[in-house]
């Protein structure tokens, strides 16, 4: 009898606990700030970093060439503005810079930064959409640094 009842009680307790203490989803409120969660591809050289909070999604990519980095941000909602801050591996903060919209629908933004960076450099983003602020912080571990040799082995 206990082998039948205990799994039922365990499953029931799991759902009841979630219902009692779980966060109730709600729409973003004007003037509030919400954290964007860096997804798992931000930790390895995937070429881009996906950021997400409920229905708001964005991704950051970096094109590296000759000591210059072009940061490109793409979102699924039009933005009113985007700002990027850089913290070097030695914890020196560079002044925040505004990204420039490069698409007419305000979903693609870009900024050239001419400072040497590595995988331990931290990036801080602040995005504004519909008077709601979203923020994120991640390292540049996702940057796919190109080397001088050809990586195409399919010849």
Protein backbone atom coordinates (compact mmCIF):
# COMPACT_ATOMS: atom_id res chain seq x y z
CA UNK A 1 0.00 0.00 0.00
CA UNK A 2 2.85 2.40 0.89
CA UNK A 3 4.52 1.73 -2.50
CA UNK A 4 1.41 3.01 -4.27
CA UNK A 5 0.60 5.98 -2.03
CA UNK A 6 4.12 7.44 -1.54
CA UNK A 7 4.78 8.24 -5.24
CA UNK A 8 1.34 9.85 -5.51
CA UNK A 9 2.04 11.98 -2.42
CA UNK A 10 5.49 12.94 -3.70
CA UNK A 11 4.17 14.09 -7.08
CA UNK A 12 1.28 15.92 -5.42
CA UNK A 13 3.67 17.67 -3.01
CA UNK A 14 5.87 18.74 -5.92
CA UNK A 15 3.02 20.46 -7.77
CA UNK A 16 1.48 21.90 -4.61
CA UNK A 17 4.80 23.44 -3.55
CA UNK A 18 5.23 24.98 -7.00
CA UNK A 19 1.73 26.42 -6.87
CA UNK A 20 2.27 27.91 -3.41
CA UNK A 21 5.76 29.42 -3.73
CA UNK A 22 6.39 29.61 -7.48
CA UNK A 23 6.59 32.97 -9.22
CA UNK A 24 3.52 33.90 -11.20
CA UNK A 25 4.46 35.11 -14.69
CA UNK A 26 3.44 38.68 -15.45
CA UNK A 27 3.90 41.16 -18.27
CA UNK A 28 6.85 43.53 -18.08
CA UNK A 29 5.89 46.80 -16.39
CA UNK A 30 6.83 50.20 -17.77
CA UNK A 31 9.85 51.69 -16.01
CA UNK A 32 10.90 48.40 -14.42
CA UNK A 33 14.21 46.60 -15.05
CA UNK A 34 14.47 42.90 -15.85
CA UNK A 35 17.54 40.68 -16.11
CA UNK A 36 18.34 38.89 -19.36
CA UNK A 37 19.73 35.42 -18.70
CA UNK A 38 22.81 34.43 -20.68
CA UNK A 39 22.21 31.03 -22.28
CA UNK A 40 24.72 28.18 -22.32
CA UNK A 41 26.27 29.18 -25.68
CA UNK A 42 27.72 32.28 -23.96
CA UNK A 43 30.28 30.11 -22.13
CA UNK A 44 32.10 28.60 -25.12
CA UNK A 45 33.30 29.77 -28.54
CA UNK A 46 29.93 29.49 -30.26
CA UNK A 47 30.20 32.81 -32.10
CA UNK A 48 27.20 34.38 -30.35
CA UNK A 49 25.61 34.82 -26.94
CA UNK A 50 21.85 34.33 -26.61
CA UNK A 51 20.10 36.38 -23.92
CA UNK A 52 16.55 35.67 -22.80
CA UNK A 53 13.84 36.74 -20.37
CA UNK A 54 10.42 35.21 -21.05
CA UNK A 55 9.29 36.49 -24.47
CA UNK A 56 12.14 39.02 -24.84
CA UNK A 57 15.13 37.54 -26.66
CA UNK A 58 18.36 39.01 -27.98
CA UNK A 59 21.72 37.78 -29.16
CA UNK A 60 25.12 39.40 -29.17
CA UNK A 61 27.89 38.58 -31.63
CA UNK A 62 31.36 40.03 -32.03
CA UNK A 63 33.40 40.29 -35.22
CA UNK A 64 37.09 40.54 -34.33
CA UNK A 65 39.69 41.88 -36.77
CA UNK A 66 42.98 43.78 -36.29
CA UNK A 67 42.38 44.64 -32.62
CA UNK A 68 38.92 46.04 -33.35
CA UNK A 69 35.69 44.42 -32.29
CA UNK A 70 32.35 45.12 -33.90
CA UNK A 71 29.57 44.22 -31.48
CA UNK A 72 26.25 43.36 -33.13
CA UNK A 73 23.05 43.01 -31.13
CA UNK A 74 19.86 41.55 -32.61
CA UNK A 75 16.55 41.45 -30.72
CA UNK A 76 13.08 40.08 -31.36
CA UNK A 77 11.46 43.39 -30.29
CA UNK A 78 12.25 46.92 -31.52
CA UNK A 79 14.47 48.83 -29.10
CA UNK A 80 14.40 52.47 -28.08
CA UNK A 81 18.06 52.34 -27.14
CA UNK A 82 20.98 50.06 -26.28
CA UNK A 83 24.12 50.71 -24.24
CA UNK A 84 27.21 48.54 -23.83
CA UNK A 85 29.84 48.65 -21.11
CA UNK A 86 33.14 46.80 -21.11
CA UNK A 87 35.09 45.59 -18.05
CA UNK A 88 38.58 44.33 -18.93
CA UNK A 89 40.08 41.24 -17.31
CA UNK A 90 42.04 43.55 -14.93
CA UNK A 91 38.64 44.99 -13.79
CA UNK A 92 39.18 48.35 -15.54
CA UNK A 93 35.81 49.70 -16.67
CA UNK A 94 35.57 51.54 -19.97
CA UNK A 95 32.95 54.29 -20.31
CA UNK A 96 29.57 52.96 -21.52
CA UNK A 97 28.82 53.45 -25.22
CA UNK A 98 25.52 53.69 -27.02
CA UNK A 99 24.95 51.19 -29.80
CA UNK A 100 23.74 52.52 -33.14
CA UNK A 101 20.64 51.14 -34.86
CA UNK A 102 21.62 49.63 -38.20
CA UNK A 103 18.15 48.51 -39.29
CA UNK A 104 15.02 50.54 -39.87
CA UNK A 105 12.94 48.29 -37.61
CA UNK A 106 15.23 49.04 -34.59
CA UNK A 107 15.99 45.35 -34.03
CA UNK A 108 19.65 45.31 -35.14
CA UNK A 109 22.25 47.45 -33.36
CA UNK A 110 26.02 47.74 -33.70
CA UNK A 111 29.08 49.40 -32.15
CA UNK A 112 32.81 49.39 -32.94
CA UNK A 113 35.10 49.11 -29.91
CA UNK A 114 38.85 49.45 -30.42
CA UNK A 115 40.09 48.06 -27.10
CA UNK A 116 41.99 44.80 -26.78
CA UNK A 117 39.80 42.13 -25.19
CA UNK A 118 39.96 38.45 -24.34
CA UNK A 119 37.63 35.68 -23.18
CA UNK A 120 37.66 37.05 -19.59
CA UNK A 121 36.49 40.52 -20.60
CA UNK A 122 33.01 41.24 -19.25
CA UNK A 123 30.28 42.87 -21.31
CA UNK A 124 27.35 44.70 -19.72
CA UNK A 125 24.28 45.51 -21.79
CA UNK A 126 21.30 47.73 -21.04
CA UNK A 127 18.42 47.61 -23.53
CA UNK A 128 15.23 49.66 -23.54
CA UNK A 129 12.08 48.46 -25.29
CA UNK A 130 8.61 49.95 -24.75
CA UNK A 131 9.91 51.93 -21.74
CA UNK A 132 11.04 48.67 -20.09
CA UNK A 133 14.72 48.15 -19.28
CA UNK A 134 16.55 44.85 -19.73
CA UNK A 135 20.10 44.26 -18.55
CA UNK A 136 22.68 41.51 -18.88
CA UNK A 137 26.29 40.75 -18.05
CA UNK A 138 28.44 38.06 -19.61
CA UNK A 139 32.05 37.41 -20.56
CA UNK A 140 33.41 37.23 -24.09
CA UNK A 141 33.95 33.47 -23.86
CA UNK A 142 31.55 33.08 -26.79
CA UNK A 143 33.71 35.06 -29.24
CA UNK A 144 34.98 32.84 -32.04
CA UNK A 145 38.50 34.20 -32.43
CA UNK A 146 39.75 33.44 -35.93
CA UNK A 147 43.23 32.03 -36.38
CA UNK A 148 45.60 32.36 -39.31
CA UNK A 149 45.12 28.77 -40.50
CA UNK A 150 42.17 27.39 -42.46
CA UNK A 151 39.77 25.39 -40.29
CA UNK A 152 37.96 23.77 -43.22
CA UNK A 153 39.13 20.12 -43.23
CA UNK A 154 36.54 18.83 -45.75
CA UNK A 155 38.79 19.02 -48.82
